[in-house]
């Protein structure tokens, strides 16, 4: 089930434009920061959310870099 969701996200990221990717990245970074902050004061029920957000940020940065490099070439 998780693989289907990951594949769908990849397809969504491929179809996004650079400004959309930047908006999604800032939104995800803000959410990640809030999760970390909440986790330090009170442990989360599902700490795997932190890992998921961190990986989403890396994935978004990768797609953003590829799109920007493709636009320059």
C-alpha atoms as a PDB file:
ATOM      1  CA  UNK A   1       0.000   0.000   0.000  1.00  0.00           C
ATOM      2  CA  UNK A   2       2.816   2.411   0.859  1.00  0.00           C
ATOM      3  CA  UNK A   3       4.514   1.785  -2.479  1.00  0.00           C
ATOM      4  CA  UNK A   4       1.409   2.898  -4.354  1.00  0.00           C
ATOM      5  CA  UNK A   5       1.345   6.126  -2.360  1.00  0.00           C
ATOM      6  CA  UNK A   6       5.050   6.755  -3.019  1.00  0.00           C
ATOM      7  CA  UNK A   7       4.582   6.141  -6.736  1.00  0.00           C
ATOM      8  CA  UNK A   8       1.643   8.539  -6.802  1.00  0.00           C
ATOM      9  CA  UNK A   9       3.694  11.215  -5.012  1.00  0.00           C
ATOM     10  CA  UNK A  10       6.526  10.803  -7.510  1.00  0.00           C
ATOM     11  CA  UNK A  11       4.105  11.287 -10.377  1.00  0.00           C
ATOM     12  CA  UNK A  12       2.670  14.364  -8.654  1.00  0.00           C
ATOM     13  CA  UNK A  13       6.121  15.864  -8.156  1.00  0.00           C
ATOM     14  CA  UNK A  14       7.029  15.233 -11.813  1.00  0.00           C
ATOM     15  CA  UNK A  15       3.990  17.178 -12.971  1.00  0.00           C
ATOM     16  CA  UNK A  16       4.565  20.153 -10.651  1.00  0.00           C
ATOM     17  CA  UNK A  17       6.176  23.345 -11.879  1.00  0.00           C
ATOM     18  CA  UNK A  18       9.165  24.942 -10.151  1.00  0.00           C
ATOM     19  CA  UNK A  19       7.071  27.497  -8.175  1.00  0.00           C
ATOM     20  CA  UNK A  20       4.717  24.720  -7.054  1.00  0.00           C
ATOM     21  CA  UNK A  21       7.662  22.594  -5.936  1.00  0.00           C
ATOM     22  CA  UNK A  22       9.107  25.531  -3.987  1.00  0.00           C
ATOM     23  CA  UNK A  23       5.748  26.146  -2.294  1.00  0.00           C
ATOM     24  CA  UNK A  24       5.384  22.462  -1.399  1.00  0.00           C
ATOM     25  CA  UNK A  25       8.971  22.418  -0.108  1.00  0.00           C
ATOM     26  CA  UNK A  26       8.447  25.380   2.206  1.00  0.00           C
ATOM     27  CA  UNK A  27       5.160  23.902   3.416  1.00  0.00           C
ATOM     28  CA  UNK A  28       6.816  20.544   4.147  1.00  0.00           C
ATOM     29  CA  UNK A  29       9.792  22.189   5.890  1.00  0.00           C
ATOM     30  CA  UNK A  30       7.454  24.176   8.109  1.00  0.00           C
ATOM     31  CA  UNK A  31       5.479  21.049   8.967  1.00  0.00           C
ATOM     32  CA  UNK A  32       8.743  19.186   9.705  1.00  0.00           C
ATOM     33  CA  UNK A  33       9.901  21.970  12.023  1.00  0.00           C
ATOM     34  CA  UNK A  34       6.573  21.887  13.901  1.00  0.00           C
ATOM     35  CA  UNK A  35       6.783  18.095  14.259  1.00  0.00           C
ATOM     36  CA  UNK A  36      10.323  18.292  15.635  1.00  0.00           C
ATOM     37  CA  UNK A  37       9.348  21.021  18.064  1.00  0.00           C
ATOM     38  CA  UNK A  38       6.303  19.101  19.241  1.00  0.00           C
ATOM     39  CA  UNK A  39       8.366  15.906  19.568  1.00  0.00           C
ATOM     40  CA  UNK A  40      10.976  17.534  21.817  1.00  0.00           C
ATOM     41  CA  UNK A  41       8.374  18.802  24.267  1.00  0.00           C
ATOM     42  CA  UNK A  42       6.072  15.806  24.135  1.00  0.00           C
ATOM     43  CA  UNK A  43       6.864  12.534  22.305  1.00  0.00           C
ATOM     44  CA  UNK A  44       4.769  11.904  19.210  1.00  0.00           C
ATOM     45  CA  UNK A  45       2.526   8.878  18.918  1.00  0.00           C
ATOM     46  CA  UNK A  46       4.055   8.162  15.516  1.00  0.00           C
ATOM     47  CA  UNK A  47       7.679   9.385  15.374  1.00  0.00           C
ATOM     48  CA  UNK A  48       8.018   7.896  11.871  1.00  0.00           C
ATOM     49  CA  UNK A  49       6.285  11.057  10.638  1.00  0.00           C
ATOM     50  CA  UNK A  50       9.543  12.903  11.231  1.00  0.00           C
ATOM     51  CA  UNK A  51      11.427  10.521   8.952  1.00  0.00           C
ATOM     52  CA  UNK A  52       8.710  10.731   6.315  1.00  0.00           C
ATOM     53  CA  UNK A  53       8.828  14.527   6.296  1.00  0.00           C
ATOM     54  CA  UNK A  54      12.631  14.550   6.130  1.00  0.00           C
ATOM     55  CA  UNK A  55      12.569  12.198   3.140  1.00  0.00           C
ATOM     56  CA  UNK A  56       9.840  14.223   1.447  1.00  0.00           C
ATOM     57  CA  UNK A  57      12.002  17.341   1.828  1.00  0.00           C
ATOM     58  CA  UNK A  58      14.956  15.541   0.241  1.00  0.00           C
ATOM     59  CA  UNK A  59      12.751  14.238  -2.567  1.00  0.00           C
ATOM     60  CA  UNK A  60      11.343  17.706  -3.234  1.00  0.00           C
ATOM     61  CA  UNK A  61      14.815  19.256  -3.283  1.00  0.00           C
ATOM     62  CA  UNK A  62      15.939  16.615  -5.763  1.00  0.00           C
ATOM     63  CA  UNK A  63      13.002  17.210  -8.107  1.00  0.00           C
ATOM     64  CA  UNK A  64      13.497  20.966  -7.788  1.00  0.00           C
ATOM     65  CA  UNK A  65      17.171  20.698  -8.684  1.00  0.00           C
ATOM     66  CA  UNK A  66      16.443  18.468 -11.671  1.00  0.00           C
ATOM     67  CA  UNK A  67      13.753  20.836 -12.956  1.00  0.00           C
ATOM     68  CA  UNK A  68      15.979  23.908 -12.524  1.00  0.00           C
ATOM     69  CA  UNK A  69      18.936  22.184 -14.186  1.00  0.00           C
ATOM     70  CA  UNK A  70      16.715  21.119 -17.065  1.00  0.00           C
ATOM     71  CA  UNK A  71      15.462  24.669 -17.538  1.00  0.00           C
ATOM     72  CA  UNK A  72      18.998  26.088 -17.665  1.00  0.00           C
ATOM     73  CA  UNK A  73      20.271  23.597 -20.273  1.00  0.00           C
END
